[in-house]
C-alpha atoms as a PDB file:
ATOM      1  CA  MET A   1      45.926 -44.624  63.747  1.00  0.00           C
ATOM      2  CA  PRO A   2      43.195 -43.191  61.489  1.00  0.00           C
ATOM      3  CA  ALA A   3      39.598 -44.361  61.766  1.00  0.00           C
ATOM      4  CA  ASP A   4      40.013 -46.895  58.956  1.00  0.00           C
ATOM      5  CA  GLY A   5      42.699 -48.622  61.028  1.00  0.00           C
ATOM      6  CA  ILE A   6      45.534 -47.956  58.593  1.00  0.00           C
ATOM      7  CA  PRO A   7      48.540 -45.974  59.807  1.00  0.00           C
ATOM      8  CA  GLU A   8      49.538 -43.023  57.641  1.00  0.00           C
ATOM      9  CA  THR A   9      52.657 -44.913  56.548  1.00  0.00           C
ATOM     10  CA  TYR A  10      50.425 -47.484  54.824  1.00  0.00           C
ATOM     11  CA  ALA A  11      47.880 -45.032  53.376  1.00  0.00           C
ATOM     12  CA  PRO A  12      49.695 -44.269  50.078  1.00  0.00           C
ATOM     13  CA  LEU A  13      50.054 -47.983  49.327  1.00  0.00           C
ATOM     14  CA  PHE A  14      46.368 -48.593  50.044  1.00  0.00           C
ATOM     15  CA  ARG A  15      45.408 -45.619  47.841  1.00  0.00           C
ATOM     16  CA  ARG A  16      47.485 -47.095  44.989  1.00  0.00           C
ATOM     17  CA  ALA A  17      45.727 -50.419  45.435  1.00  0.00           C
ATOM     18  CA  GLU A  18      42.260 -48.886  45.592  1.00  0.00           C
ATOM     19  CA  THR A  19      42.939 -46.898  42.433  1.00  0.00           C
ATOM     20  CA  LEU A  20      43.850 -50.071  40.533  1.00  0.00           C
ATOM     21  CA  LEU A  21      41.039 -52.317  41.792  1.00  0.00           C
ATOM     22  CA  PRO A  22      38.391 -51.336  39.206  1.00  0.00           C
ATOM     23  CA  ASP A  23      40.745 -52.200  36.320  1.00  0.00           C
ATOM     24  CA  LEU A  24      41.831 -55.621  37.586  1.00  0.00           C
ATOM     25  CA  ASP A  25      40.377 -58.976  36.672  1.00  0.00           C
ATOM     26  CA  GLU A  26      38.626 -60.922  39.421  1.00  0.00           C
ATOM     27  CA  ASP A  27      41.638 -63.014  40.479  1.00  0.00           C
ATOM     28  CA  GLU A  28      43.970 -60.013  40.639  1.00  0.00           C
ATOM     29  CA  ARG A  29      41.368 -57.968  42.524  1.00  0.00           C
ATOM     30  CA  ASN A  30      40.844 -60.791  45.033  1.00  0.00           C
ATOM     31  CA  GLU A  31      44.596 -61.093  45.609  1.00  0.00           C
ATOM     32  CA  ILE A  32      44.953 -57.364  46.289  1.00  0.00           C
ATOM     33  CA  VAL A  33      41.877 -57.211  48.532  1.00  0.00           C
ATOM     34  CA  ASP A  34      43.112 -60.247  50.474  1.00  0.00           C
ATOM     35  CA  LEU A  35      46.552 -58.701  50.981  1.00  0.00           C
ATOM     36  CA  MET A  36      44.979 -55.465  52.188  1.00  0.00           C
ATOM     37  CA  GLY A  37      42.825 -57.433  54.630  1.00  0.00           C
ATOM     38  CA  ASP A  38      45.812 -59.417  55.849  1.00  0.00           C
ATOM     39  CA  ILE A  39      47.728 -56.187  56.488  1.00  0.00           C
ATOM     40  CA  ARG A  40      44.797 -54.741  58.447  1.00  0.00           C
ATOM     41  CA  GLU A  41      44.577 -57.916  60.521  1.00  0.00           C
ATOM     42  CA  ALA A  42      48.313 -57.976  61.233  1.00  0.00           C
ATOM     43  CA  LEU A  43      48.184 -54.338  62.326  1.00  0.00           C
ATOM     44  CA  ARG A  44      45.161 -54.949  64.558  1.00  0.00           C
ATOM     45  CA  GLU A  45      46.977 -57.866  66.172  1.00  0.00           C
ATOM     46  CA  ASN A  46      50.195 -55.850  66.620  1.00  0.00           C
ATOM     47  CA  ARG A  47      52.178 -58.163  64.336  1.00  0.00           C
ATOM     48  CA  ALA A  48      54.429 -55.468  62.899  1.00  0.00           C
ATOM     49  CA  GLY A  49      56.817 -57.886  61.203  1.00  0.00           C
ATOM     50  CA  ASP A  50      53.983 -59.651  59.408  1.00  0.00           C
ATOM     51  CA  ALA A  51      52.432 -56.319  58.421  1.00  0.00           C
ATOM     52  CA  GLU A  52      55.721 -55.157  56.907  1.00  0.00           C
ATOM     53  CA  ALA A  53      56.205 -58.420  55.004  1.00  0.00           C
ATOM     54  CA  LEU A  54      52.666 -58.183  53.644  1.00  0.00           C
ATOM     55  CA  ARG A  55      53.204 -54.530  52.795  1.00  0.00           C
ATOM     56  CA  SER A  56      56.226 -55.508  50.715  1.00  0.00           C
ATOM     57  CA  GLU A  57      54.225 -58.255  49.009  1.00  0.00           C
ATOM     58  CA  LEU A  58      51.417 -55.804  48.195  1.00  0.00           C
ATOM     59  CA  ASP A  59      53.897 -53.247  46.889  1.00  0.00           C
ATOM     60  CA  ASP A  60      55.474 -55.877  44.621  1.00  0.00           C
ATOM     61  CA  ALA A  61      52.072 -57.006  43.328  1.00  0.00           C
ATOM     62  CA  LEU A  62      51.043 -53.418  42.589  1.00  0.00           C
ATOM     63  CA  PHE A  63      54.331 -52.745  40.819  1.00  0.00           C
ATOM     64  CA  TYR A  64      53.701 -55.767  38.596  1.00  0.00           C
ATOM     65  CA  LEU A  65      50.084 -54.785  37.920  1.00  0.00           C
ATOM     66  CA  GLU A  66      50.939 -51.142  37.199  1.00  0.00           C
ATOM     67  CA  GLY A  67      53.656 -52.132  34.739  1.00  0.00           C
END
């Protein structure tokens, strides 16, 4: 796992999120930041199923926000 604690399989999703953050309103930004934090926590606690569910939720939110 890289130093930031995010496996390479999650890195592209986190890069997408970080690219969008400056353009989001406060509520949207908070939602994305919270999801990213929840994923990090799930990974740290070895809760792979939770991490994958949160990853899907983040991907869906980004898809909506990018559209």
